[in-house]
């Protein structure tokens, strides 16, 4: 059983993935953030630097590369948890193209590489996750959680408009366009697995119930 934990920046994907990994006795494959050399540049670069150095495109390629490595490891064993899905990587690339931070030619290259990678997954025992645990929350909750975790490069007030642009389309994309697996929606406006032990147990219970339903 392969689970991916999805959702907007800051809502707690890594924390939920860790909780599920411990509860299910699963390996957890985390998104490459702390060791990502491009991410701080992506968040702190001026518009002129972004245009000149193409950080958004480079960041998406970096995530695609590291995600594909994790997927190849996760799909050959049972009971693994992935922190964010490769499908969401495409969503982020698309939104950055809409902002003009990734150009159409870069998006064509990105999508061609993504398609090629997905074809490679056909050779593995399993191509797609069994369940996406989608963390949904209000924009106020997103900002609050981003501020609480305190990564300095994420805290610039000028990033608020960027976060809002990503957030505004996220739920619609998951509900109407994501079709790789079943989806379990967790309301992060009322759930906090970092601060409340009872919320950890609630998430575990909801996921286990959904897995039973899928296996039935």
N, C-alpha and C. Protein backbone atom coordinates (compact mmCIF):
# COMPACT_ATOMS: atom_id res chain seq x y z
N UNK A 1 0.85 -1.19 0.00
CA UNK A 1 0.00 0.00 0.00
C UNK A 1 0.89 1.24 0.00
N UNK A 2 0.71 2.09 -0.99
CA UNK A 2 1.51 3.32 -1.10
C UNK A 2 0.60 4.52 -0.85
N UNK A 3 1.01 5.36 0.11
CA UNK A 3 0.26 6.56 0.47
C UNK A 3 1.09 7.78 0.12
N UNK A 4 0.48 8.78 -0.50
CA UNK A 4 1.13 10.07 -0.66
C UNK A 4 0.38 11.09 0.19
N UNK A 5 1.13 11.97 0.82
CA UNK A 5 0.52 13.05 1.60
C UNK A 5 0.69 14.33 0.81
N UNK A 6 -0.43 14.93 0.42
CA UNK A 6 -0.40 16.11 -0.43
C UNK A 6 -0.98 17.32 0.26
N UNK A 7 -0.76 18.48 -0.35
CA UNK A 7 -1.36 19.69 0.20
C UNK A 7 -0.47 20.90 0.05
N UNK A 8 -1.04 22.02 0.35
CA UNK A 8 -0.40 23.31 0.20
C UNK A 8 0.83 23.43 1.09
N UNK A 9 1.77 24.24 0.66
CA UNK A 9 2.97 24.57 1.45
C UNK A 9 2.57 24.93 2.88
N UNK A 10 3.23 24.32 3.85
CA UNK A 10 3.05 24.72 5.24
C UNK A 10 2.00 23.98 6.03
N UNK A 11 1.15 23.19 5.36
CA UNK A 11 0.02 22.60 6.08
C UNK A 11 0.38 21.36 6.89
N UNK A 12 1.62 20.87 6.75
CA UNK A 12 2.03 19.79 7.64
C UNK A 12 2.23 18.44 6.99
N UNK A 13 2.58 18.41 5.69
CA UNK A 13 2.75 17.14 5.00
C UNK A 13 3.80 16.24 5.64
N UNK A 14 4.95 16.82 5.95
CA UNK A 14 6.03 16.01 6.55
C UNK A 14 5.62 15.47 7.91
N UNK A 15 4.93 16.29 8.70
CA UNK A 15 4.50 15.85 10.03
C UNK A 15 3.48 14.73 9.93
N UNK A 16 2.51 14.88 9.03
CA UNK A 16 1.50 13.83 8.84
C UNK A 16 2.14 12.57 8.28
N UNK A 17 3.07 12.72 7.34
CA UNK A 17 3.76 11.56 6.78
C UNK A 17 4.52 10.81 7.88
N UNK A 18 5.16 11.55 8.77
CA UNK A 18 5.90 10.92 9.87
C UNK A 18 4.95 10.16 10.80
N UNK A 19 3.81 10.78 11.12
CA UNK A 19 2.81 10.13 11.98
C UNK A 19 2.32 8.83 11.34
N UNK A 20 2.01 8.88 10.05
CA UNK A 20 1.50 7.69 9.36
C UNK A 20 2.58 6.63 9.23
N UNK A 21 3.81 7.04 8.97
CA UNK A 21 4.89 6.07 8.87
C UNK A 21 5.06 5.29 10.16
N UNK A 22 5.03 6.01 11.30
CA UNK A 22 5.17 5.36 12.60
C UNK A 22 3.99 4.43 12.89
N UNK A 23 2.78 4.88 12.57
CA UNK A 23 1.58 4.10 12.88
C UNK A 23 1.46 2.85 12.01
N UNK A 24 1.90 2.95 10.77
CA UNK A 24 1.74 1.84 9.83
C UNK A 24 3.00 0.99 9.69
N UNK A 25 4.06 1.37 10.39
CA UNK A 25 5.31 0.65 10.26
C UNK A 25 5.90 0.78 8.87
N UNK A 26 5.76 1.97 8.29
CA UNK A 26 6.16 2.21 6.91
C UNK A 26 7.41 3.07 6.82
N UNK A 27 8.13 2.90 5.73
CA UNK A 27 9.19 3.85 5.39
C UNK A 27 8.55 5.16 4.93
N UNK A 28 9.19 6.28 5.23
CA UNK A 28 8.70 7.58 4.78
C UNK A 28 9.75 8.23 3.89
N UNK A 29 9.31 8.68 2.72
CA UNK A 29 10.20 9.35 1.78
C UNK A 29 9.83 10.83 1.77
N UNK A 30 10.72 11.65 2.34
CA UNK A 30 10.41 13.06 2.53
C UNK A 30 10.81 13.90 1.32
N UNK A 31 10.07 14.98 1.13
CA UNK A 31 10.42 15.95 0.09
C UNK A 31 11.78 16.56 0.41
N UNK A 32 12.59 16.75 -0.63
CA UNK A 32 13.94 17.29 -0.44
C UNK A 32 13.85 18.80 -0.26
N UNK A 33 13.94 19.25 0.99
CA UNK A 33 13.82 20.68 1.31
C UNK A 33 15.08 21.21 1.96
N UNK A 34 15.44 20.65 3.10
CA UNK A 34 16.57 21.19 3.87
C UNK A 34 17.89 21.09 3.11
N UNK A 35 18.03 20.08 2.25
CA UNK A 35 19.27 19.92 1.49
C UNK A 35 19.12 20.40 0.04
N UNK A 36 18.06 21.17 -0.23
CA UNK A 36 17.78 21.64 -1.58
C UNK A 36 18.52 22.95 -1.83
N UNK A 37 19.50 22.97 -2.74
CA UNK A 37 20.29 24.18 -2.93
C UNK A 37 19.56 25.29 -3.69
N UNK A 38 18.47 24.93 -4.37
CA UNK A 38 17.77 25.91 -5.21
C UNK A 38 16.63 26.59 -4.47
N UNK A 39 16.03 25.91 -3.51
CA UNK A 39 14.83 26.43 -2.86
C UNK A 39 15.03 27.80 -2.22
N UNK A 40 16.09 28.03 -1.44
CA UNK A 40 16.28 29.39 -0.88
C UNK A 40 16.45 30.45 -1.96
N UNK A 41 17.11 30.10 -3.06
CA UNK A 41 17.29 31.05 -4.16
C UNK A 41 15.95 31.37 -4.81
N UNK A 42 15.12 30.35 -4.96
CA UNK A 42 13.78 30.51 -5.55
C UNK A 42 12.95 31.51 -4.75
N UNK A 43 13.03 31.42 -3.43
CA UNK A 43 12.20 32.27 -2.58
C UNK A 43 12.76 33.68 -2.39
N UNK A 44 14.07 33.84 -2.50
CA UNK A 44 14.66 35.14 -2.18
C UNK A 44 15.09 35.95 -3.40
N UNK A 45 15.04 35.35 -4.58
CA UNK A 45 15.50 36.05 -5.79
C UNK A 45 14.54 37.17 -6.18
N UNK A 46 15.09 38.22 -6.74
CA UNK A 46 14.27 39.30 -7.28
C UNK A 46 13.64 38.83 -8.60
N UNK A 47 12.59 39.52 -9.07
CA UNK A 47 12.01 39.15 -10.38
C UNK A 47 13.05 39.16 -11.50
N UNK A 48 14.00 40.09 -11.42
CA UNK A 48 15.04 40.16 -12.45
C UNK A 48 15.96 38.93 -12.39
N UNK A 49 16.30 38.52 -11.17
CA UNK A 49 17.15 37.34 -11.01
C UNK A 49 16.42 36.07 -11.46
N UNK A 50 15.13 36.01 -11.18
CA UNK A 50 14.34 34.86 -11.61
C UNK A 50 14.33 34.74 -13.12
N UNK A 51 14.14 35.87 -13.80
CA UNK A 51 14.14 35.86 -15.25
C UNK A 51 15.51 35.47 -15.81
N UNK A 52 16.57 35.95 -15.18
CA UNK A 52 17.92 35.69 -15.70
C UNK A 52 18.40 34.28 -15.37
N UNK A 53 18.10 33.80 -14.19
CA UNK A 53 18.70 32.54 -13.72
C UNK A 53 17.72 31.37 -13.75
N UNK A 54 16.46 31.61 -14.03
CA UNK A 54 15.47 30.56 -14.25
C UNK A 54 15.31 29.63 -13.04
N UNK A 55 15.33 30.21 -11.85
CA UNK A 55 15.22 29.39 -10.65
C UNK A 55 13.94 28.56 -10.57
N UNK A 56 12.77 29.09 -10.96
CA UNK A 56 11.57 28.25 -10.89
C UNK A 56 11.67 26.98 -11.73
N UNK A 57 12.20 27.10 -12.94
CA UNK A 57 12.36 25.94 -13.80
C UNK A 57 13.37 24.96 -13.19
N UNK A 58 14.48 25.47 -12.71
CA UNK A 58 15.49 24.61 -12.10
C UNK A 58 14.94 23.91 -10.86
N UNK A 59 14.14 24.63 -10.08
CA UNK A 59 13.56 24.04 -8.87
C UNK A 59 12.63 22.88 -9.22
N UNK A 60 11.80 23.08 -10.24
CA UNK A 60 10.88 22.02 -10.62
C UNK A 60 11.63 20.80 -11.16
N UNK A 61 12.70 21.02 -11.89
CA UNK A 61 13.51 19.89 -12.36
C UNK A 61 14.15 19.17 -11.18
N UNK A 62 14.62 19.93 -10.20
CA UNK A 62 15.24 19.34 -9.02
C UNK A 62 14.23 18.47 -8.27
N UNK A 63 13.03 19.01 -8.04
CA UNK A 63 12.01 18.24 -7.35
C UNK A 63 11.61 17.00 -8.15
N UNK A 64 11.51 17.15 -9.47
CA UNK A 64 11.14 16.02 -10.32
C UNK A 64 12.17 14.90 -10.20
N UNK A 65 13.44 15.27 -10.22
CA UNK A 65 14.52 14.29 -10.12
C UNK A 65 14.49 13.58 -8.77
N UNK A 66 14.42 14.34 -7.68
CA UNK A 66 14.46 13.72 -6.36
C UNK A 66 13.17 12.93 -6.08
N UNK A 67 12.03 13.42 -6.58
CA UNK A 67 10.78 12.70 -6.37
C UNK A 67 10.79 11.37 -7.11
N UNK A 68 11.32 11.37 -8.32
CA UNK A 68 11.34 10.14 -9.12
C UNK A 68 12.22 9.09 -8.44
N UNK A 69 13.34 9.51 -7.88
CA UNK A 69 14.20 8.58 -7.14
C UNK A 69 13.43 7.96 -5.98
N UNK A 70 12.69 8.79 -5.23
CA UNK A 70 11.93 8.29 -4.09
C UNK A 70 10.82 7.35 -4.54
N UNK A 71 10.14 7.70 -5.62
CA UNK A 71 9.04 6.87 -6.12
C UNK A 71 9.56 5.49 -6.52
N UNK A 72 10.69 5.45 -7.20
CA UNK A 72 11.23 4.16 -7.64
C UNK A 72 11.54 3.26 -6.44
N UNK A 73 12.00 3.85 -5.36
CA UNK A 73 12.26 3.06 -4.15
C UNK A 73 10.96 2.65 -3.47
N UNK A 74 10.01 3.57 -3.43
CA UNK A 74 8.76 3.32 -2.69
C UNK A 74 7.86 2.31 -3.38
N UNK A 75 7.85 2.30 -4.70
CA UNK A 75 6.90 1.46 -5.42
C UNK A 75 7.28 -0.02 -5.45
N UNK A 76 8.50 -0.35 -5.11
CA UNK A 76 8.90 -1.76 -5.18
C UNK A 76 8.70 -2.47 -3.84
N UNK A 77 8.23 -1.74 -2.82
CA UNK A 77 7.97 -2.34 -1.52
C UNK A 77 6.56 -1.96 -1.07
N UNK A 78 6.02 -2.75 -0.15
CA UNK A 78 4.70 -2.44 0.39
C UNK A 78 4.81 -1.42 1.52
N UNK A 79 3.69 -0.76 1.76
CA UNK A 79 3.54 0.12 2.93
C UNK A 79 4.59 1.21 3.01
N UNK A 80 4.57 2.10 2.05
CA UNK A 80 5.44 3.25 2.08
C UNK A 80 4.62 4.54 2.05
N UNK A 81 5.19 5.60 2.58
CA UNK A 81 4.53 6.90 2.61
C UNK A 81 5.42 7.92 1.91
N UNK A 82 4.85 8.66 0.97
CA UNK A 82 5.57 9.70 0.25
C UNK A 82 5.07 11.08 0.68
N UNK A 83 6.00 11.96 0.97
CA UNK A 83 5.70 13.35 1.32
C UNK A 83 5.58 14.15 0.02
N UNK A 84 4.39 14.39 -0.42
CA UNK A 84 3.99 15.03 -1.67
C UNK A 84 4.15 14.10 -2.86
N UNK A 85 3.31 14.33 -3.88
CA UNK A 85 3.28 13.46 -5.05
C UNK A 85 3.91 14.14 -6.27
N UNK A 86 4.30 13.33 -7.22
CA UNK A 86 4.86 13.84 -8.46
C UNK A 86 3.79 14.60 -9.27
N UNK A 87 2.53 14.28 -9.01
CA UNK A 87 1.42 14.96 -9.69
C UNK A 87 1.31 16.41 -9.21
N UNK A 88 1.56 16.63 -7.94
CA UNK A 88 1.56 17.99 -7.40
C UNK A 88 2.73 18.80 -7.92
N UNK A 89 3.85 18.15 -8.19
CA UNK A 89 4.98 18.86 -8.79
C UNK A 89 4.54 19.52 -10.09
N UNK A 90 3.75 18.79 -10.88
CA UNK A 90 3.25 19.35 -12.14
C UNK A 90 2.37 20.56 -11.86
N UNK A 91 1.53 20.48 -10.82
CA UNK A 91 0.66 21.61 -10.47
C UNK A 91 1.48 22.85 -10.17
N UNK A 92 2.56 22.70 -9.40
CA UNK A 92 3.41 23.83 -9.07
C UNK A 92 4.07 24.40 -10.33
N UNK A 93 4.51 23.52 -11.23
CA UNK A 93 5.12 23.99 -12.48
C UNK A 93 4.10 24.78 -13.30
N UNK A 94 2.88 24.26 -13.38
CA UNK A 94 1.83 24.92 -14.15
C UNK A 94 1.52 26.30 -13.57
N UNK A 95 1.41 26.40 -12.26
CA UNK A 95 1.10 27.69 -11.63
C UNK A 95 2.23 28.69 -11.85
N UNK A 96 3.47 28.23 -11.82
CA UNK A 96 4.58 29.14 -12.08
C UNK A 96 4.62 29.58 -13.53
N UNK A 97 4.14 28.72 -14.45
CA UNK A 97 4.04 29.13 -15.84
C UNK A 97 2.96 30.21 -15.98
N UNK A 98 1.85 30.05 -15.28
CA UNK A 98 0.79 31.05 -15.33
C UNK A 98 1.28 32.40 -14.82
N UNK A 99 2.23 32.38 -13.90
CA UNK A 99 2.80 33.63 -13.38
C UNK A 99 3.89 34.20 -14.27
N UNK A 100 4.27 33.45 -15.30
CA UNK A 100 5.33 33.91 -16.19
C UNK A 100 6.73 33.62 -15.65
N UNK A 101 6.81 32.84 -14.59
CA UNK A 101 8.11 32.51 -13.99
C UNK A 101 8.74 31.30 -14.68
N UNK A 102 7.92 30.50 -15.33
CA UNK A 102 8.38 29.41 -16.20
C UNK A 102 7.79 29.69 -17.58
N UNK A 103 8.60 29.65 -18.63
CA UNK A 103 8.06 29.95 -19.95
C UNK A 103 7.52 28.69 -20.63
N UNK A 104 6.86 28.87 -21.75
CA UNK A 104 6.18 27.76 -22.41
C UNK A 104 7.16 26.69 -22.87
N UNK A 105 8.32 27.09 -23.37
CA UNK A 105 9.31 26.11 -23.81
C UNK A 105 9.82 25.28 -22.63
N UNK A 106 10.07 25.94 -21.50
CA UNK A 106 10.50 25.22 -20.30
C UNK A 106 9.43 24.24 -19.86
N UNK A 107 8.16 24.66 -19.94
CA UNK A 107 7.07 23.78 -19.53
C UNK A 107 6.98 22.57 -20.46
N UNK A 108 7.22 22.78 -21.75
CA UNK A 108 7.22 21.65 -22.69
C UNK A 108 8.32 20.65 -22.35
N UNK A 109 9.50 21.17 -22.03
CA UNK A 109 10.61 20.29 -21.64
C UNK A 109 10.27 19.54 -20.36
N UNK A 110 9.71 20.26 -19.40
CA UNK A 110 9.34 19.66 -18.12
C UNK A 110 8.31 18.55 -18.32
N UNK A 111 7.26 18.82 -19.09
CA UNK A 111 6.20 17.84 -19.28
C UNK A 111 6.70 16.63 -20.07
N UNK A 112 7.59 16.86 -21.03
CA UNK A 112 8.15 15.74 -21.79
C UNK A 112 8.96 14.83 -20.88
N UNK A 113 9.76 15.43 -20.00
CA UNK A 113 10.54 14.64 -19.05
C UNK A 113 9.63 13.91 -18.08
N UNK A 114 8.60 14.57 -17.59
CA UNK A 114 7.65 13.95 -16.68
C UNK A 114 6.96 12.76 -17.35
N UNK A 115 6.51 12.94 -18.59
CA UNK A 115 5.85 11.84 -19.32
C UNK A 115 6.80 10.65 -19.48
N UNK A 116 8.06 10.95 -19.78
CA UNK A 116 9.06 9.90 -19.94
C UNK A 116 9.25 9.12 -18.64
N UNK A 117 9.29 9.86 -17.54
CA UNK A 117 9.45 9.22 -16.23
C UNK A 117 8.24 8.35 -15.90
N UNK A 118 7.04 8.86 -16.18
CA UNK A 118 5.85 8.09 -15.86
C UNK A 118 5.78 6.80 -16.68
N UNK A 119 6.28 6.84 -17.91
CA UNK A 119 6.34 5.63 -18.72
C UNK A 119 7.29 4.60 -18.09
N UNK A 120 8.38 5.08 -17.50
CA UNK A 120 9.33 4.18 -16.84
C UNK A 120 8.67 3.46 -15.67
N UNK A 121 7.72 4.13 -15.02
CA UNK A 121 7.06 3.51 -13.87
C UNK A 121 6.21 2.31 -14.27
N UNK A 122 5.86 2.21 -15.55
CA UNK A 122 5.09 1.06 -16.03
C UNK A 122 5.82 -0.26 -15.78
N UNK A 123 7.15 -0.17 -15.69
CA UNK A 123 7.95 -1.38 -15.51
C UNK A 123 7.97 -1.84 -14.06
N UNK A 124 7.52 -1.01 -13.14
CA UNK A 124 7.55 -1.35 -11.72
C UNK A 124 6.28 -2.10 -11.31
N UNK A 125 6.31 -2.80 -10.18
CA UNK A 125 5.13 -3.55 -9.73
C UNK A 125 3.88 -2.69 -9.59
N UNK A 126 4.06 -1.42 -9.27
CA UNK A 126 2.92 -0.52 -9.09
C UNK A 126 3.28 0.83 -9.67
N UNK A 127 2.35 1.43 -10.40
CA UNK A 127 2.66 2.70 -11.07
C UNK A 127 2.21 3.91 -10.27
N UNK A 128 1.12 3.80 -9.53
CA UNK A 128 0.50 4.96 -8.88
C UNK A 128 0.27 4.66 -7.40
N UNK A 129 0.08 5.70 -6.60
CA UNK A 129 -0.26 5.47 -5.19
C UNK A 129 -1.65 4.87 -5.03
N UNK A 130 -1.89 4.28 -3.89
CA UNK A 130 -3.23 3.76 -3.58
C UNK A 130 -4.11 4.82 -2.95
N UNK A 131 -3.48 5.78 -2.27
CA UNK A 131 -4.25 6.79 -1.56
C UNK A 131 -3.46 8.09 -1.47
N UNK A 132 -4.14 9.20 -1.74
CA UNK A 132 -3.60 10.51 -1.39
C UNK A 132 -4.32 11.02 -0.15
N UNK A 133 -3.55 11.32 0.88
CA UNK A 133 -4.09 12.00 2.06
C UNK A 133 -3.88 13.49 1.80
N UNK A 134 -4.97 14.17 1.47
CA UNK A 134 -4.87 15.58 1.06
C UNK A 134 -5.18 16.50 2.23
N UNK A 135 -4.21 17.35 2.56
CA UNK A 135 -4.36 18.30 3.66
C UNK A 135 -4.95 19.60 3.13
N UNK A 136 -6.16 19.88 3.57
CA UNK A 136 -6.89 21.06 3.10
C UNK A 136 -6.97 22.07 4.23
N UNK A 137 -6.83 23.35 3.89
CA UNK A 137 -6.93 24.35 4.94
C UNK A 137 -7.19 25.73 4.38
N UNK A 138 -7.65 26.63 5.23
CA UNK A 138 -7.87 28.01 4.84
C UNK A 138 -6.52 28.69 4.60
N UNK A 139 -6.56 29.82 3.90
CA UNK A 139 -5.32 30.54 3.64
C UNK A 139 -4.71 31.06 4.93
N UNK A 140 -5.55 31.41 5.89
CA UNK A 140 -5.05 31.88 7.18
C UNK A 140 -4.26 30.77 7.89
N UNK A 141 -4.78 29.54 7.80
CA UNK A 141 -4.06 28.42 8.41
C UNK A 141 -2.74 28.17 7.71
N UNK A 142 -2.74 28.27 6.37
CA UNK A 142 -1.50 28.10 5.60
C UNK A 142 -0.43 29.08 6.10
N UNK A 143 -0.79 30.36 6.17
CA UNK A 143 0.19 31.37 6.59
C UNK A 143 0.63 31.14 8.03
N UNK A 144 -0.30 30.80 8.89
CA UNK A 144 0.03 30.56 10.29
C UNK A 144 1.03 29.42 10.44
N UNK A 145 0.82 28.32 9.70
CA UNK A 145 1.71 27.16 9.80
C UNK A 145 3.09 27.48 9.19
N UNK A 146 3.11 28.25 8.10
CA UNK A 146 4.39 28.63 7.50
C UNK A 146 5.20 29.46 8.49
N UNK A 147 4.52 30.40 9.15
CA UNK A 147 5.22 31.24 10.13
C UNK A 147 5.72 30.41 11.31
N UNK A 148 4.94 29.44 11.75
CA UNK A 148 5.32 28.63 12.90
C UNK A 148 6.55 27.78 12.64
N UNK A 149 6.66 27.25 11.41
CA UNK A 149 7.81 26.37 11.18
C UNK A 149 9.09 27.17 10.93
N UNK A 150 8.96 28.44 10.55
CA UNK A 150 10.06 29.37 10.64
C UNK A 150 11.24 29.19 9.70
N UNK A 151 11.02 28.65 8.51
CA UNK A 151 12.11 28.65 7.53
C UNK A 151 12.28 30.07 7.03
N UNK A 152 13.44 30.64 7.25
CA UNK A 152 13.64 32.07 7.00
C UNK A 152 13.32 32.48 5.57
N UNK A 153 13.66 31.64 4.60
CA UNK A 153 13.43 32.02 3.21
C UNK A 153 11.96 31.98 2.81
N UNK A 154 11.11 31.41 3.67
CA UNK A 154 9.68 31.36 3.37
C UNK A 154 8.89 32.50 4.01
N UNK A 155 9.55 33.34 4.81
CA UNK A 155 8.83 34.28 5.67
C UNK A 155 8.69 35.69 5.11
N UNK A 156 9.27 35.97 3.95
CA UNK A 156 9.17 37.31 3.37
C UNK A 156 7.72 37.64 3.07
N UNK A 157 7.27 38.79 3.53
CA UNK A 157 5.86 39.17 3.32
C UNK A 157 5.49 39.30 1.85
N UNK A 158 6.49 39.54 1.00
CA UNK A 158 6.21 39.64 -0.43
C UNK A 158 5.80 38.30 -1.04
N UNK A 159 6.03 37.20 -0.32
CA UNK A 159 5.65 35.88 -0.81
C UNK A 159 4.17 35.58 -0.58
N UNK A 160 3.49 36.40 0.19
CA UNK A 160 2.09 36.11 0.53
C UNK A 160 1.23 36.00 -0.73
N UNK A 161 1.42 36.89 -1.68
CA UNK A 161 0.63 36.83 -2.92
C UNK A 161 0.91 35.54 -3.69
N UNK A 162 2.16 35.09 -3.67
CA UNK A 162 2.52 33.84 -4.33
C UNK A 162 1.84 32.65 -3.65
N UNK A 163 1.88 32.62 -2.33
CA UNK A 163 1.21 31.55 -1.60
C UNK A 163 -0.29 31.54 -1.89
N UNK A 164 -0.88 32.73 -1.93
CA UNK A 164 -2.33 32.80 -2.18
C UNK A 164 -2.66 32.27 -3.58
N UNK A 165 -1.83 32.61 -4.56
CA UNK A 165 -2.06 32.15 -5.93
C UNK A 165 -2.01 30.62 -6.01
N UNK A 166 -1.07 30.01 -5.33
CA UNK A 166 -0.98 28.55 -5.30
C UNK A 166 -2.19 27.96 -4.59
N UNK A 167 -2.52 28.54 -3.44
CA UNK A 167 -3.61 28.02 -2.60
C UNK A 167 -4.95 28.09 -3.30
N UNK A 168 -5.21 29.18 -4.03
CA UNK A 168 -6.53 29.39 -4.63
C UNK A 168 -6.93 28.28 -5.59
N UNK A 169 -5.98 27.65 -6.27
CA UNK A 169 -6.33 26.62 -7.23
C UNK A 169 -6.13 25.20 -6.77
N UNK A 170 -5.56 25.04 -5.57
CA UNK A 170 -5.13 23.71 -5.13
C UNK A 170 -6.29 22.75 -4.93
N UNK A 171 -7.29 23.17 -4.14
CA UNK A 171 -8.43 22.28 -3.86
C UNK A 171 -9.14 21.89 -5.15
N UNK A 172 -9.33 22.86 -6.02
CA UNK A 172 -10.04 22.59 -7.29
C UNK A 172 -9.28 21.57 -8.11
N UNK A 173 -7.95 21.69 -8.14
CA UNK A 173 -7.14 20.76 -8.92
C UNK A 173 -7.26 19.34 -8.37
N UNK A 174 -7.15 19.20 -7.05
CA UNK A 174 -7.23 17.87 -6.44
C UNK A 174 -8.61 17.25 -6.65
N UNK A 175 -9.65 18.03 -6.42
CA UNK A 175 -11.01 17.50 -6.47
C UNK A 175 -11.44 17.18 -7.90
N UNK A 176 -11.06 18.02 -8.85
CA UNK A 176 -11.58 17.88 -10.21
C UNK A 176 -10.60 17.30 -11.23
N UNK A 177 -9.29 17.28 -10.91
CA UNK A 177 -8.32 16.86 -11.92
C UNK A 177 -7.41 15.71 -11.48
N UNK A 178 -7.16 15.58 -10.20
CA UNK A 178 -6.31 14.48 -9.74
C UNK A 178 -7.09 13.18 -9.77
N UNK A 179 -6.57 12.19 -10.50
CA UNK A 179 -7.31 10.92 -10.62
C UNK A 179 -6.40 9.70 -10.50
N UNK A 180 -5.22 9.88 -9.94
CA UNK A 180 -4.27 8.77 -9.87
C UNK A 180 -4.62 7.78 -8.76
N UNK A 181 -5.40 8.23 -7.77
CA UNK A 181 -5.71 7.35 -6.65
C UNK A 181 -6.95 7.86 -5.93
N UNK A 182 -7.37 7.09 -4.93
CA UNK A 182 -8.40 7.57 -4.01
C UNK A 182 -7.84 8.76 -3.21
N UNK A 183 -8.73 9.62 -2.72
CA UNK A 183 -8.32 10.79 -1.96
C UNK A 183 -9.05 10.82 -0.63
N UNK A 184 -8.31 11.04 0.45
CA UNK A 184 -8.88 11.28 1.77
C UNK A 184 -8.53 12.71 2.16
N UNK A 185 -9.54 13.54 2.38
CA UNK A 185 -9.31 14.95 2.72
C UNK A 185 -9.28 15.13 4.23
N UNK A 186 -8.22 15.76 4.71
CA UNK A 186 -8.08 16.07 6.15
C UNK A 186 -8.16 17.59 6.30
N UNK A 187 -9.05 18.05 7.18
CA UNK A 187 -9.26 19.48 7.39
C UNK A 187 -8.23 20.01 8.39
N UNK A 188 -7.20 20.69 7.89
CA UNK A 188 -6.12 21.16 8.76
C UNK A 188 -6.49 22.44 9.51
N UNK A 189 -7.66 22.99 9.26
CA UNK A 189 -8.14 24.10 10.08
C UNK A 189 -8.48 23.62 11.49
N UNK A 190 -8.79 22.34 11.61
CA UNK A 190 -9.16 21.80 12.92
C UNK A 190 -8.21 20.70 13.41
N UNK A 191 -7.27 20.29 12.56
CA UNK A 191 -6.33 19.23 12.91
C UNK A 191 -4.92 19.82 13.04
N UNK A 192 -4.23 19.45 14.10
CA UNK A 192 -2.85 19.87 14.30
C UNK A 192 -2.07 18.71 14.91
N UNK A 193 -1.39 17.94 14.07
CA UNK A 193 -0.70 16.73 14.56
C UNK A 193 0.59 17.07 15.30
N UNK A 194 1.05 18.30 15.18
CA UNK A 194 2.26 18.71 15.89
C UNK A 194 1.95 19.06 17.34
N UNK A 195 0.84 19.76 17.55
CA UNK A 195 0.52 20.27 18.89
C UNK A 195 -0.41 19.36 19.68
N UNK A 196 -1.21 18.52 19.01
CA UNK A 196 -2.24 17.76 19.73
C UNK A 196 -2.15 16.26 19.44
N UNK A 197 -1.89 15.49 20.47
CA UNK A 197 -1.75 14.04 20.35
C UNK A 197 -3.05 13.41 19.85
N UNK A 198 -4.20 13.93 20.32
CA UNK A 198 -5.47 13.36 19.90
C UNK A 198 -5.71 13.53 18.40
N UNK A 199 -5.14 14.60 17.82
CA UNK A 199 -5.28 14.81 16.39
C UNK A 199 -4.44 13.81 15.60
N UNK A 200 -3.28 13.44 16.13
CA UNK A 200 -2.48 12.38 15.51
C UNK A 200 -3.31 11.10 15.41
N UNK A 201 -3.93 10.74 16.53
CA UNK A 201 -4.71 9.51 16.56
C UNK A 201 -5.91 9.57 15.62
N UNK A 202 -6.51 10.75 15.52
CA UNK A 202 -7.66 10.90 14.62
C UNK A 202 -7.26 10.70 13.17
N UNK A 203 -6.13 11.28 12.77
CA UNK A 203 -5.64 11.12 11.39
C UNK A 203 -5.32 9.66 11.11
N UNK A 204 -4.65 9.01 12.05
CA UNK A 204 -4.32 7.59 11.88
C UNK A 204 -5.58 6.76 11.69
N UNK A 205 -6.60 7.04 12.51
CA UNK A 205 -7.86 6.30 12.43
C UNK A 205 -8.55 6.52 11.07
N UNK A 206 -8.58 7.78 10.63
CA UNK A 206 -9.22 8.08 9.35
C UNK A 206 -8.51 7.38 8.19
N UNK A 207 -7.20 7.37 8.23
CA UNK A 207 -6.42 6.73 7.16
C UNK A 207 -6.62 5.23 7.18
N UNK A 208 -6.59 4.63 8.35
CA UNK A 208 -6.79 3.17 8.45
C UNK A 208 -8.17 2.77 7.95
N UNK A 209 -9.18 3.57 8.27
CA UNK A 209 -10.54 3.29 7.78
C UNK A 209 -10.60 3.37 6.26
N UNK A 210 -9.93 4.38 5.71
CA UNK A 210 -9.94 4.54 4.25
C UNK A 210 -9.19 3.40 3.58
N UNK A 211 -8.09 2.97 4.15
CA UNK A 211 -7.33 1.84 3.58
C UNK A 211 -8.15 0.56 3.60
N UNK A 212 -8.92 0.33 4.67
CA UNK A 212 -9.80 -0.84 4.74
C UNK A 212 -10.82 -0.79 3.62
N UNK A 213 -11.38 0.40 3.41
CA UNK A 213 -12.37 0.60 2.35
C UNK A 213 -11.77 0.29 0.98
N UNK A 214 -10.53 0.75 0.74
CA UNK A 214 -9.87 0.53 -0.54
C UNK A 214 -9.58 -0.95 -0.76
N UNK A 215 -9.17 -1.62 0.30
CA UNK A 215 -8.81 -3.04 0.19
C UNK A 215 -10.02 -3.96 0.09
N UNK A 216 -11.18 -3.47 0.52
CA UNK A 216 -12.39 -4.32 0.56
C UNK A 216 -12.81 -4.76 -0.83
